[in-house]
Amino acid sequence: MKLREKYNLSKELLEYVTDIDEPTNYDYDKETQSQLFIYHIPYRSQQGFLTVPIVILLIDDQIITFNHFNDETVKRIFNTELLNTDTSNIETSVLEILKKLSDMYLLPMHEIRHQRKELNDLLSTRTDNKNLIALASLRKSLIYFSSATRNNQQLLEELSEKHFGLNFLEDQIESLVDAKIETHQVEQLVETESEIVTQLINTFDTILSNNLNDIMKILTIWSVVLAIPTIITGFYGMNVKLPLEHNPLAWIIVIGITIAIIYWVIQALRHHRII
């Protein structure tokens, strides 16, 4: 309430600031002459990496920052830039902050790449459900990263056309270009790793499917083979006259016929490349 009263901030703007699900955005309030930047950064949770919004509020020559999770790296970036802020060149400071916030993706991406390589080695020797779930968790994190970095990049691309960039000087244009390049590189890194993880998941899904098909094929073949003696011997359980019923060697002949039919069935399956 004190912040709202001191700077005459609207209720809508404060809702933007406090909403943890707010997407990347830039907003200019003509009434209060305030500029709002919402920029997404990586955040580690128990379920893996997510992204959360960092808010920068620019009012005249003052920068007000909001950090939902009290991240130490974010605090260090803010403190470093804000202490060195030249009030006559505050736009450059904002761009430097955005650039360094983009760099925060590099460490999580290095960790994700390392985990992906470990899981790939483990799954290459044994396709374990636990490892597949871990790989799926990596893909979920990369989906969050991909969406966030793409939106961050779009925000930077549009800044020069917004109120913030209407009167950019040469050094501010250079700072914006540097921020765009850094964010674009991070975006490409995330997209590449996301494609690799997705390809790995698809590959192991195919392997699991093929293994299941092989198991079903073996069970089906055994069912066919074992059904043959059941059918033949079943006739001799009937109360009707049957060939060889008085022959003392009938059981040997029946076994021989059964084996011959089983052999023929197996050869037929091999001929048709079923086994």
Protein backbone atom coordinates (compact mmCIF):
# COMPACT_ATOMS: atom_id res chain seq x y z
CA MET A 1 0.00 0.00 0.00
CA LYS A 2 2.88 2.38 0.77
CA LEU A 3 4.38 1.78 -2.66
CA ARG A 4 1.02 2.35 -4.31
CA GLU A 5 0.42 5.60 -2.46
CA LYS A 6 3.95 6.94 -2.89
CA TYR A 7 4.07 6.46 -6.66
CA ASN A 8 0.34 6.61 -7.37
CA LEU A 9 0.39 3.13 -8.89
CA SER A 10 -2.79 1.61 -10.28
CA LYS A 11 -4.36 -1.50 -8.81
CA GLU A 12 -4.05 -3.23 -12.18
CA LEU A 13 -0.30 -2.59 -12.31
CA LEU A 14 0.20 -3.98 -8.80
CA GLU A 15 -1.72 -7.10 -9.82
CA TYR A 16 0.78 -7.55 -12.63
CA VAL A 17 3.61 -7.22 -10.13
CA THR A 18 2.26 -9.76 -7.65
CA ASP A 19 0.95 -12.35 -10.13
CA ILE A 20 3.43 -15.24 -10.21
CA ASP A 21 1.79 -16.63 -13.37
CA GLU A 22 2.08 -13.39 -15.33
CA PRO A 23 3.74 -13.98 -18.72
CA THR A 24 6.62 -11.94 -20.14
CA ASN A 25 5.34 -8.47 -20.87
CA TYR A 26 6.06 -4.75 -21.17
CA ASP A 27 3.50 -2.14 -20.14
CA TYR A 28 3.58 1.65 -20.17
CA ASP A 29 1.19 3.62 -17.97
CA LYS A 30 0.68 7.13 -19.36
CA GLU A 31 -1.02 8.36 -16.23
CA THR A 32 1.84 7.58 -13.85
CA GLN A 33 4.57 7.61 -16.53
CA SER A 34 5.66 4.21 -15.24
CA GLN A 35 7.09 1.35 -17.28
CA LEU A 36 6.67 -2.27 -16.26
CA PHE A 37 8.96 -5.11 -17.41
CA ILE A 38 8.06 -8.71 -16.67
CA TYR A 39 10.89 -11.09 -17.56
CA HIS A 40 11.04 -14.84 -16.90
CA ILE A 41 14.04 -16.58 -15.35
CA PRO A 42 14.75 -20.22 -14.41
CA TYR A 43 13.82 -21.46 -10.96
CA ARG A 44 14.60 -24.83 -9.36
CA SER A 45 11.69 -26.64 -7.70
CA GLN A 46 11.27 -30.15 -6.28
CA GLN A 47 9.71 -31.22 -9.59
CA GLY A 48 12.60 -29.85 -11.67
CA PHE A 49 13.27 -26.50 -13.30
CA LEU A 50 10.45 -24.03 -13.86
CA THR A 51 10.36 -20.36 -14.81
CA VAL A 52 9.15 -17.45 -12.68
CA PRO A 53 8.61 -13.77 -13.47
CA ILE A 54 11.00 -11.05 -12.37
CA VAL A 55 9.45 -7.58 -12.34
CA ILE A 56 11.21 -4.29 -13.03
CA LEU A 57 9.24 -1.10 -12.49
CA LEU A 58 10.71 2.03 -14.02
CA ILE A 59 9.33 5.31 -12.65
CA ASP A 60 11.07 8.48 -13.82
CA ASP A 61 14.70 7.94 -12.84
CA GLN A 62 14.02 5.18 -10.32
CA ILE A 63 14.15 1.40 -10.75
CA ILE A 64 11.98 -0.75 -8.46
CA THR A 65 12.49 -4.52 -8.63
CA PHE A 66 10.35 -7.43 -7.44
CA ASN A 67 11.76 -10.89 -6.84
CA HIS A 68 9.09 -13.48 -5.92
CA PHE A 69 11.49 -16.13 -4.60
CA ASN A 70 14.26 -13.98 -3.15
CA ASP A 71 16.80 -15.56 -5.50
CA GLU A 72 20.38 -14.69 -4.52
CA THR A 73 21.61 -14.48 -8.11
CA VAL A 74 18.83 -12.07 -8.99
CA LYS A 75 19.57 -9.98 -5.90
CA ARG A 76 23.24 -9.83 -6.88
CA ILE A 77 22.38 -8.72 -10.44
CA PHE A 78 20.01 -6.05 -9.17
CA ASN A 79 22.43 -4.78 -6.54
CA THR A 80 25.35 -4.63 -8.96
CA GLU A 81 23.45 -2.77 -11.66
CA LEU A 82 21.42 -0.51 -9.40
CA LEU A 83 24.43 0.64 -7.41
CA ASN A 84 26.18 1.57 -10.66
CA THR A 85 23.12 3.12 -12.26
CA ASP A 86 23.56 6.46 -13.94
CA THR A 87 20.21 8.23 -13.66
CA SER A 88 20.87 9.94 -16.98
CA ASN A 89 21.27 6.55 -18.67
CA ILE A 90 18.80 4.41 -16.76
CA GLU A 91 17.63 2.61 -19.92
CA THR A 92 21.08 1.06 -20.37
CA SER A 93 20.96 -0.25 -16.79
CA VAL A 94 17.60 -1.90 -17.45
CA LEU A 95 18.95 -3.53 -20.61
CA GLU A 96 22.03 -4.78 -18.76
CA ILE A 97 19.78 -6.30 -16.09
CA LEU A 98 17.69 -8.07 -18.75
CA LYS A 99 20.84 -9.36 -20.42
CA LYS A 100 22.21 -10.80 -17.17
CA LEU A 101 18.83 -12.31 -16.32
CA SER A 102 19.00 -14.15 -19.65
CA ASP A 103 22.44 -15.49 -18.71
CA MET A 104 20.83 -17.19 -15.70
CA TYR A 105 19.64 -19.96 -18.04
CA LEU A 106 23.20 -21.07 -18.82
CA LEU A 107 23.90 -22.86 -15.52
CA PRO A 108 20.59 -24.82 -15.46
CA MET A 109 21.13 -25.73 -19.12
CA HIS A 110 24.59 -27.08 -18.31
CA GLU A 111 23.05 -29.19 -15.53
CA ILE A 112 20.25 -30.42 -17.80
CA ARG A 113 22.77 -31.38 -20.49
CA HIS A 114 24.83 -33.32 -17.93
CA GLN A 115 21.74 -35.14 -16.62
CA ARG A 116 20.63 -35.95 -20.15
CA LYS A 117 24.00 -37.55 -20.98
CA GLU A 118 23.90 -39.64 -17.79
CA LEU A 119 20.35 -40.81 -18.49
CA ASN A 120 21.26 -41.62 -22.07
CA ASP A 121 24.11 -43.88 -20.89
CA LEU A 122 21.88 -45.58 -18.30
CA LEU A 123 19.01 -46.12 -20.73
CA SER A 124 21.39 -47.47 -23.38
CA THR A 125 22.20 -50.39 -21.07
CA ARG A 126 18.82 -50.82 -19.43
CA THR A 127 15.49 -49.18 -20.17
CA ASP A 128 14.32 -48.42 -16.65
CA ASN A 129 11.03 -46.64 -15.86
CA LYS A 130 12.70 -44.44 -13.24
CA ASN A 131 15.20 -43.13 -15.78
CA LEU A 132 12.48 -42.59 -18.38
CA ILE A 133 10.51 -40.53 -15.87
CA ALA A 134 13.65 -38.47 -15.15
CA LEU A 135 14.11 -37.89 -18.88
CA ALA A 136 10.48 -36.80 -19.18
CA SER A 137 11.07 -34.35 -16.30
CA LEU A 138 13.96 -32.83 -18.26
CA ARG A 139 11.71 -32.38 -21.26
CA LYS A 140 9.11 -30.63 -19.09
CA SER A 141 11.74 -28.22 -17.78
CA LEU A 142 12.93 -27.53 -21.33
CA ILE A 143 9.36 -26.79 -22.43
CA TYR A 144 9.16 -24.12 -19.71
CA PHE A 145 12.56 -22.77 -20.74
CA SER A 146 11.69 -22.76 -24.43
CA SER A 147 8.49 -20.80 -23.91
CA ALA A 148 10.15 -18.32 -21.53
CA THR A 149 13.24 -17.63 -23.66
CA ARG A 150 11.11 -17.23 -26.78
CA ASN A 151 8.86 -14.71 -25.04
CA ASN A 152 11.86 -12.90 -23.54
CA GLN A 153 13.39 -12.61 -26.99
CA GLN A 154 10.14 -11.28 -28.41
CA LEU A 155 9.98 -8.65 -25.65
CA LEU A 156 13.47 -7.41 -26.52
CA GLU A 157 12.66 -7.35 -30.23
CA GLU A 158 9.67 -5.10 -29.59
CA LEU A 159 11.30 -2.72 -27.07
CA SER A 160 12.67 -0.34 -29.69
CA GLU A 161 9.10 0.29 -30.88
CA LYS A 162 7.72 0.83 -27.38
CA HIS A 163 7.83 4.00 -25.27
CA PHE A 164 10.98 2.67 -23.61
CA GLY A 165 12.98 2.71 -26.84
CA LEU A 166 11.60 5.73 -28.68
CA ASN A 167 14.53 8.01 -27.77
CA PHE A 168 17.38 5.51 -27.63
CA LEU A 169 20.89 6.85 -28.03
CA GLU A 170 23.66 4.97 -29.81
CA ASP A 171 25.03 3.28 -26.67
CA GLN A 172 21.52 2.24 -25.63
CA ILE A 173 20.91 0.72 -29.07
CA GLU A 174 24.17 -1.23 -28.68
CA SER A 175 23.06 -2.45 -25.24
CA LEU A 176 19.74 -3.58 -26.71
CA VAL A 177 21.51 -5.43 -29.53
CA ASP A 178 23.82 -7.15 -27.01
CA ALA A 179 20.81 -8.21 -24.92
CA LYS A 180 19.07 -9.56 -28.05
CA ILE A 181 22.14 -11.54 -29.09
CA GLU A 182 22.59 -13.05 -25.63
CA THR A 183 18.93 -13.98 -25.32
CA HIS A 184 18.86 -15.42 -28.83
CA GLN A 185 21.88 -17.62 -28.07
CA VAL A 186 20.18 -18.89 -24.91
CA GLU A 187 16.99 -19.54 -26.88
CA GLN A 188 18.90 -21.58 -29.48
CA LEU A 189 20.68 -23.53 -26.75
CA VAL A 190 17.35 -24.42 -25.13
CA GLU A 191 15.75 -25.38 -28.45
CA THR A 192 18.68 -27.63 -29.40
CA GLU A 193 18.70 -29.43 -26.07
CA SER A 194 14.91 -29.76 -26.17
CA GLU A 195 15.09 -31.42 -29.59
CA ILE A 196 17.77 -33.85 -28.37
CA VAL A 197 15.76 -34.84 -25.28
CA THR A 198 12.58 -35.24 -27.34
CA GLN A 199 14.45 -37.43 -29.84
CA LEU A 200 15.83 -39.57 -27.01
CA ILE A 201 12.37 -40.06 -25.52
CA ASN A 202 10.96 -41.02 -28.93
CA THR A 203 13.82 -43.46 -29.48
CA PHE A 204 13.36 -45.19 -26.15
CA ASP A 205 9.58 -45.25 -26.66
CA THR A 206 10.22 -47.08 -29.93
CA ILE A 207 12.60 -49.50 -28.21
CA LEU A 208 10.03 -50.25 -25.49
CA SER A 209 7.35 -50.77 -28.12
CA ASN A 210 9.59 -53.13 -30.10
CA ASN A 211 10.45 -55.08 -26.93
CA LEU A 212 6.77 -55.44 -26.12
CA ASN A 213 6.06 -56.60 -29.67
CA ASP A 214 8.83 -59.22 -29.38
CA ILE A 215 7.38 -60.51 -26.10
CA MET A 216 3.88 -60.71 -27.57
CA LYS A 217 5.27 -62.51 -30.63
CA ILE A 218 7.01 -65.12 -28.46
CA LEU A 219 3.89 -65.67 -26.36
CA THR A 220 1.76 -66.02 -29.47
CA ILE A 221 4.14 -68.57 -31.02
CA TRP A 222 4.18 -70.62 -27.83
CA SER A 223 0.38 -70.50 -27.71
CA VAL A 224 0.17 -71.83 -31.27
CA VAL A 225 2.76 -74.56 -30.69
CA LEU A 226 1.26 -75.75 -27.39
CA ALA A 227 -2.24 -75.78 -28.87
CA ILE A 228 -1.26 -78.55 -31.32
CA PRO A 229 -0.76 -81.42 -28.81
CA THR A 230 -3.82 -80.21 -26.89
CA ILE A 231 -5.97 -80.51 -30.02
CA ILE A 232 -4.61 -83.93 -31.05
CA THR A 233 -4.77 -85.53 -27.61
CA GLY A 234 -8.20 -84.00 -27.09
CA PHE A 235 -9.64 -86.36 -29.71
CA TYR A 236 -8.65 -89.35 -27.64
CA GLY A 237 -10.72 -88.11 -24.74
CA MET A 238 -13.91 -88.60 -26.76
CA ASN A 239 -16.14 -91.64 -26.37
CA VAL A 240 -15.98 -92.52 -30.08
CA LYS A 241 -13.99 -95.00 -32.08
CA LEU A 242 -10.66 -93.56 -33.21
CA PRO A 243 -7.81 -94.87 -35.34
CA LEU A 244 -5.09 -96.80 -33.52
CA GLU A 245 -7.11 -96.98 -30.31
CA HIS A 246 -6.28 -100.68 -29.93
CA ASN A 247 -2.71 -100.36 -31.14
CA PRO A 248 -0.21 -100.70 -28.24
CA LEU A 249 2.10 -98.21 -29.99
CA ALA A 250 -0.66 -95.65 -30.53
CA TRP A 251 0.73 -93.15 -28.02
CA ILE A 252 4.17 -93.22 -29.73
CA ILE A 253 2.58 -92.68 -33.11
CA VAL A 254 0.44 -89.81 -31.77
CA ILE A 255 3.51 -88.16 -30.20
CA GLY A 256 5.37 -88.55 -33.49
CA ILE A 257 2.51 -86.97 -35.44
CA THR A 258 2.32 -84.14 -32.91
CA ILE A 259 6.07 -83.45 -33.16
CA ALA A 260 5.88 -83.52 -36.96
CA ILE A 261 3.03 -80.98 -37.02
CA ILE A 262 4.83 -78.73 -34.52
CA TYR A 263 7.97 -78.88 -36.69
CA TRP A 264 5.94 -78.02 -39.78
CA VAL A 265 4.28 -75.06 -38.04
CA ILE A 266 7.65 -73.72 -36.86
CA GLN A 267 9.10 -74.02 -40.37
CA ALA A 268 6.04 -72.26 -41.81
CA LEU A 269 6.48 -69.39 -39.35
CA ARG A 270 10.16 -69.11 -40.26
CA HIS A 271 9.34 -69.17 -43.97
CA HIS A 272 7.02 -66.22 -43.49
CA ARG A 273 9.68 -64.51 -41.28
CA ILE A 274 7.40 -64.42 -38.27
CA ILE A 275 10.17 -65.91 -36.15
